[in-house]
Amino acid sequence: RPGAGSLHRLDPDGSTTTVLDGVTI
């Protein structure tokens, strides 16, 4: 589905951040 994905980052302290939304594949 277009735009349903994201790019995420996992930091060494275990926290996560979404760095890019609206990704397809």
PDB file of all heavy atoms in Angstrom:
ATOM      1  N   ARG A   1       0.834  -1.207   0.000  1.00  0.00           N
ATOM      2  CA  ARG A   1       0.000   0.000   0.000  1.00  0.00           C
ATOM      3  C   ARG A   1       0.865   1.251   0.000  1.00  0.00           C
ATOM      4  O   ARG A   1       1.751   1.409   0.821  1.00  0.00           O
ATOM      5  CB  ARG A   1      -0.918  -0.006   1.220  1.00  0.00           C
ATOM      6  CG  ARG A   1      -2.000   1.037   1.221  1.00  0.00           C
ATOM      7  CD  ARG A   1      -3.010   0.821   2.365  1.00  0.00           C
ATOM      8  NE  ARG A   1      -2.854  -0.433   3.078  1.00  0.00           N
ATOM      9  CZ  ARG A   1      -2.338  -0.519   4.326  1.00  0.00           C
ATOM     10  NH1 ARG A   1      -1.975   0.545   4.976  1.00  0.00           N
ATOM     11  NH2 ARG A   1      -2.218  -1.701   4.903  1.00  0.00           N
ATOM     12  N   PRO A   2       0.626   2.185  -0.928  1.00  0.00           N
ATOM     13  CA  PRO A   2       1.427   3.413  -1.002  1.00  0.00           C
ATOM     14  C   PRO A   2       1.390   4.213   0.302  1.00  0.00           C
ATOM     15  O   PRO A   2       0.328   4.421   0.894  1.00  0.00           O
ATOM     16  CB  PRO A   2       0.776   4.202  -2.141  1.00  0.00           C
ATOM     17  CG  PRO A   2       0.130   3.151  -2.993  1.00  0.00           C
ATOM     18  CD  PRO A   2      -0.358   2.105  -2.023  1.00  0.00           C
ATOM     19  N   GLY A   3       2.561   4.618   0.755  1.00  0.00           N
ATOM     20  CA  GLY A   3       2.690   5.490   1.913  1.00  0.00           C
ATOM     21  C   GLY A   3       2.480   4.838   3.260  1.00  0.00           C
ATOM     22  O   GLY A   3       2.476   5.534   4.284  1.00  0.00           O
ATOM     23  N   ALA A   4       2.307   3.513   3.324  1.00  0.00           N
ATOM     24  CA  ALA A   4       2.009   2.843   4.591  1.00  0.00           C
ATOM     25  C   ALA A   4       3.253   2.511   5.413  1.00  0.00           C
ATOM     26  O   ALA A   4       3.141   2.089   6.551  1.00  0.00           O
ATOM     27  CB  ALA A   4       1.209   1.573   4.336  1.00  0.00           C
ATOM     28  N   GLY A   5       4.448   2.704   4.861  1.00  0.00           N
ATOM     29  CA  GLY A   5       5.676   2.351   5.564  1.00  0.00           C
ATOM     30  C   GLY A   5       6.393   3.554   6.136  1.00  0.00           C
ATOM     31  O   GLY A   5       6.014   4.708   5.911  1.00  0.00           O
ATOM     32  N   SER A   6       7.457   3.246   6.877  1.00  0.00           N
ATOM     33  CA  SER A   6       8.278   4.280   7.512  1.00  0.00           C
ATOM     34  C   SER A   6       9.720   3.815   7.563  1.00  0.00           C
ATOM     35  O   SER A   6      10.013   2.630   7.379  1.00  0.00           O
ATOM     36  CB  SER A   6       7.806   4.549   8.949  1.00  0.00           C
ATOM     37  OG  SER A   6       6.475   4.987   8.978  1.00  0.00           O
ATOM     38  N   LEU A   7      10.622   4.745   7.865  1.00  0.00           N
ATOM     39  CA  LEU A   7      12.016   4.429   8.143  1.00  0.00           C
ATOM     40  C   LEU A   7      12.242   4.756   9.612  1.00  0.00           C
ATOM     41  O   LEU A   7      11.945   5.862  10.065  1.00  0.00           O
ATOM     42  CB  LEU A   7      12.953   5.245   7.247  1.00  0.00           C
ATOM     43  CG  LEU A   7      14.450   4.997   7.424  1.00  0.00           C
ATOM     44  CD1 LEU A   7      14.821   3.558   7.058  1.00  0.00           C
ATOM     45  CD2 LEU A   7      15.258   5.983   6.575  1.00  0.00           C
ATOM     46  N   HIS A   8      12.755   3.776  10.359  1.00  0.00           N
ATOM     47  CA  HIS A   8      12.934   3.905  11.800  1.00  0.00           C
ATOM     48  C   HIS A   8      14.415   3.833  12.170  1.00  0.00           C
ATOM     49  O   HIS A   8      15.202   3.222  11.465  1.00  0.00           O
ATOM     50  CB  HIS A   8      12.196   2.771  12.525  1.00  0.00           C
ATOM     51  CG  HIS A   8      10.773   2.636  12.127  1.00  0.00           C
ATOM     52  ND1 HIS A   8       9.767   3.358  12.699  1.00  0.00           N
ATOM     53  CD2 HIS A   8      10.181   1.861  11.162  1.00  0.00           C
ATOM     54  CE1 HIS A   8       8.614   3.035  12.147  1.00  0.00           C
ATOM     55  NE2 HIS A   8       8.846   2.141  11.198  1.00  0.00           N
ATOM     56  N   ARG A   9      14.756   4.430  13.315  1.00  0.00           N
ATOM     57  CA  ARG A   9      16.130   4.373  13.825  1.00  0.00           C
ATOM     58  C   ARG A   9      16.100   3.807  15.234  1.00  0.00           C
ATOM     59  O   ARG A   9      15.307   4.237  16.069  1.00  0.00           O
ATOM     60  CB  ARG A   9      16.753   5.763  13.845  1.00  0.00           C
ATOM     61  CG  ARG A   9      18.234   5.745  14.238  1.00  0.00           C
ATOM     62  CD  ARG A   9      18.831   7.121  14.348  1.00  0.00           C
ATOM     63  NE  ARG A   9      18.304   7.781  15.542  1.00  0.00           N
ATOM     64  CZ  ARG A   9      17.911   9.050  15.601  1.00  0.00           C
ATOM     65  NH1 ARG A   9      17.991   9.829  14.543  1.00  0.00           N
ATOM     66  NH2 ARG A   9      17.443   9.554  16.721  1.00  0.00           N
ATOM     67  N   LEU A  10      16.994   2.848  15.495  1.00  0.00           N
ATOM     68  CA  LEU A  10      17.191   2.278  16.823  1.00  0.00           C
ATOM     69  C   LEU A  10      18.513   2.802  17.355  1.00  0.00           C
ATOM     70  O   LEU A  10      19.565   2.577  16.751  1.00  0.00           O
ATOM     71  CB  LEU A  10      17.213   0.747  16.752  1.00  0.00           C
ATOM     72  CG  LEU A  10      17.585   0.006  18.028  1.00  0.00           C
ATOM     73  CD1 LEU A  10      16.544   0.244  19.125  1.00  0.00           C
ATOM     74  CD2 LEU A  10      17.733  -1.489  17.734  1.00  0.00           C
ATOM     75  N   ASP A  11      18.460   3.532  18.464  1.00  0.00           N
ATOM     76  CA  ASP A  11      19.658   4.104  19.075  1.00  0.00           C
ATOM     77  C   ASP A  11      20.287   3.121  20.059  1.00  0.00           C
ATOM     78  O   ASP A  11      19.612   2.211  20.554  1.00  0.00           O
ATOM     79  CB  ASP A  11      19.312   5.412  19.786  1.00  0.00           C
ATOM     80  CG  ASP A  11      18.953   6.525  18.803  1.00  0.00           C
ATOM     81  OD1 ASP A  11      19.491   6.519  17.678  1.00  0.00           O
ATOM     82  OD2 ASP A  11      18.147   7.397  19.164  1.00  0.00           O
ATOM     83  N   PRO A  12      21.588   3.289  20.367  1.00  0.00           N
ATOM     84  CA  PRO A  12      22.260   2.377  21.293  1.00  0.00           C
ATOM     85  C   PRO A  12      21.592   2.270  22.671  1.00  0.00           C
ATOM     86  O   PRO A  12      21.710   1.242  23.329  1.00  0.00           O
ATOM     87  CB  PRO A  12      23.661   2.967  21.407  1.00  0.00           C
ATOM     88  CG  PRO A  12      23.876   3.666  20.110  1.00  0.00           C
ATOM     89  CD  PRO A  12      22.517   4.233  19.768  1.00  0.00           C
ATOM     90  N   ASP A  13      20.858   3.302  23.089  1.00  0.00           N
ATOM     91  CA  ASP A  13      20.184   3.238  24.393  1.00  0.00           C
ATOM     92  C   ASP A  13      18.864   2.472  24.333  1.00  0.00           C
ATOM     93  O   ASP A  13      18.152   2.350  25.336  1.00  0.00           O
ATOM     94  CB  ASP A  13      19.957   4.639  24.960  1.00  0.00           C
ATOM     95  CG  ASP A  13      18.967   5.476  24.148  1.00  0.00           C
ATOM     96  OD1 ASP A  13      18.381   4.969  23.169  1.00  0.00           O
ATOM     97  OD2 ASP A  13      18.794   6.657  24.500  1.00  0.00           O
ATOM     98  N   GLY A  14      18.512   1.938  23.146  1.00  0.00           N
ATOM     99  CA  GLY A  14      17.288   1.160  22.989  1.00  0.00           C
ATOM    100  C   GLY A  14      16.081   1.973  22.555  1.00  0.00           C
ATOM    101  O   GLY A  14      15.024   1.411  22.275  1.00  0.00           O
ATOM    102  N   SER A  15      16.210   3.283  22.475  1.00  0.00           N
ATOM    103  CA  SER A  15      15.089   4.110  22.032  1.00  0.00           C
ATOM    104  C   SER A  15      14.954   4.037  20.511  1.00  0.00           C
ATOM    105  O   SER A  15      15.914   3.757  19.801  1.00  0.00           O
ATOM    106  CB  SER A  15      15.280   5.563  22.474  1.00  0.00           C
ATOM    107  OG  SER A  15      16.421   6.122  21.853  1.00  0.00           O
ATOM    108  N   THR A  16      13.734   4.281  20.037  1.00  0.00           N
ATOM    109  CA  THR A  16      13.477   4.273  18.600  1.00  0.00           C
ATOM    110  C   THR A  16      12.868   5.601  18.176  1.00  0.00           C
ATOM    111  O   THR A  16      12.181   6.264  18.947  1.00  0.00           O
ATOM    112  CB  THR A  16      12.518   3.136  18.202  1.00  0.00           C
ATOM    113  OG1 THR A  16      11.279   3.301  18.887  1.00  0.00           O
ATOM    114  CG2 THR A  16      13.113   1.778  18.512  1.00  0.00           C
ATOM    115  N   THR A  17      13.152   5.960  16.934  1.00  0.00           N
ATOM    116  CA  THR A  17      12.635   7.190  16.350  1.00  0.00           C
ATOM    117  C   THR A  17      12.192   6.899  14.931  1.00  0.00           C
ATOM    118  O   THR A  17      12.900   6.216  14.185  1.00  0.00           O
ATOM    119  CB  THR A  17      13.741   8.276  16.315  1.00  0.00           C
ATOM    120  OG1 THR A  17      14.244   8.474  17.623  1.00  0.00           O
ATOM    121  CG2 THR A  17      13.227   9.579  15.747  1.00  0.00           C
ATOM    122  N   THR A  18      11.030   7.407  14.541  1.00  0.00           N
ATOM    123  CA  THR A  18      10.620   7.347  13.141  1.00  0.00           C
ATOM    124  C   THR A  18      11.238   8.553  12.456  1.00  0.00           C
ATOM    125  O   THR A  18      10.977   9.689  12.843  1.00  0.00           O
ATOM    126  CB  THR A  18       9.086   7.373  13.007  1.00  0.00           C
ATOM    127  OG1 THR A  18       8.554   6.245  13.702  1.00  0.00           O
ATOM    128  CG2 THR A  18       8.669   7.321  11.546  1.00  0.00           C
ATOM    129  N   VAL A  19      12.085   8.292  11.449  1.00  0.00           N
ATOM    130  CA  VAL A  19      12.790   9.389  10.783  1.00  0.00           C
ATOM    131  C   VAL A  19      12.185   9.756   9.434  1.00  0.00           C
ATOM    132  O   VAL A  19      12.495  10.818   8.894  1.00  0.00           O
ATOM    133  CB  VAL A  19      14.302   9.090  10.633  1.00  0.00           C
ATOM    134  CG1 VAL A  19      14.961   8.979  11.985  1.00  0.00           C
ATOM    135  CG2 VAL A  19      14.551   7.840   9.819  1.00  0.00           C
ATOM    136  N   LEU A  20      11.317   8.896   8.897  1.00  0.00           N
ATOM    137  CA  LEU A  20      10.709   9.175   7.609  1.00  0.00           C
ATOM    138  C   LEU A  20       9.386   8.426   7.519  1.00  0.00           C
ATOM    139  O   LEU A  20       9.336   7.219   7.730  1.00  0.00           O
ATOM    140  CB  LEU A  20      11.650   8.715   6.482  1.00  0.00           C
ATOM    141  CG  LEU A  20      11.286   9.044   5.052  1.00  0.00           C
ATOM    142  CD1 LEU A  20      11.183  10.541   4.826  1.00  0.00           C
ATOM    143  CD2 LEU A  20      12.327   8.436   4.109  1.00  0.00           C
ATOM    144  N   ASP A  21       8.307   9.151   7.241  1.00  0.00           N
ATOM    145  CA  ASP A  21       6.975   8.570   7.058  1.00  0.00           C
ATOM    146  C   ASP A  21       6.595   8.594   5.587  1.00  0.00           C
ATOM    147  O   ASP A  21       7.260   9.226   4.770  1.00  0.00           O
ATOM    148  CB  ASP A  21       5.918   9.381   7.822  1.00  0.00           C
ATOM    149  CG  ASP A  21       5.870   9.039   9.296  1.00  0.00           C
ATOM    150  OD1 ASP A  21       6.029   7.857   9.636  1.00  0.00           O
ATOM    151  OD2 ASP A  21       5.677   9.973  10.100  1.00  0.00           O
ATOM    152  N   GLY A  22       5.493   7.938   5.254  1.00  0.00           N
ATOM    153  CA  GLY A  22       4.960   7.999   3.900  1.00  0.00           C
ATOM    154  C   GLY A  22       5.737   7.181   2.896  1.00  0.00           C
ATOM    155  O   GLY A  22       5.704   7.446   1.696  1.00  0.00           O
ATOM    156  N   VAL A  23       6.428   6.155   3.357  1.00  0.00           N
ATOM    157  CA  VAL A  23       7.238   5.294   2.501  1.00  0.00           C
ATOM    158  C   VAL A  23       6.358   4.151   1.994  1.00  0.00           C
ATOM    159  O   VAL A  23       5.484   3.678   2.711  1.00  0.00           O
ATOM    160  CB  VAL A  23       8.438   4.743   3.312  1.00  0.00           C
ATOM    161  CG1 VAL A  23       9.199   3.698   2.545  1.00  0.00           C
ATOM    162  CG2 VAL A  23       9.342   5.889   3.747  1.00  0.00           C
ATOM    163  N   THR A  24       6.606   3.690   0.781  1.00  0.00           N
ATOM    164  CA  THR A  24       5.831   2.568   0.251  1.00  0.00           C
ATOM    165  C   THR A  24       6.590   1.251   0.433  1.00  0.00           C
ATOM    166  O   THR A  24       6.117   0.356   1.117  1.00  0.00           O
ATOM    167  CB  THR A  24       5.467   2.799  -1.227  1.00  0.00           C
ATOM    168  OG1 THR A  24       4.682   4.006  -1.298  1.00  0.00           O
ATOM    169  CG2 THR A  24       4.642   1.645  -1.789  1.00  0.00           C
ATOM    170  N   ILE A  25       7.766   1.112  -0.171  1.00  0.00           N
ATOM    171  CA  ILE A  25       8.597  -0.087   0.001  1.00  0.00           C
ATOM    172  C   ILE A  25      10.007   0.380   0.351  1.00  0.00           C
ATOM    173  O   ILE A  25      10.817   0.683  -0.525  1.00  0.00           O
ATOM    174  CB  ILE A  25       8.615  -0.977  -1.263  1.00  0.00           C
ATOM    175  CG1 ILE A  25       7.196  -1.398  -1.644  1.00  0.00           C
ATOM    176  CG2 ILE A  25       9.494  -2.208  -1.030  1.00  0.00           C
ATOM    177  CD1 ILE A  25       7.099  -2.186  -2.940  1.00  0.00           C
TER     178      ILE A  25
END
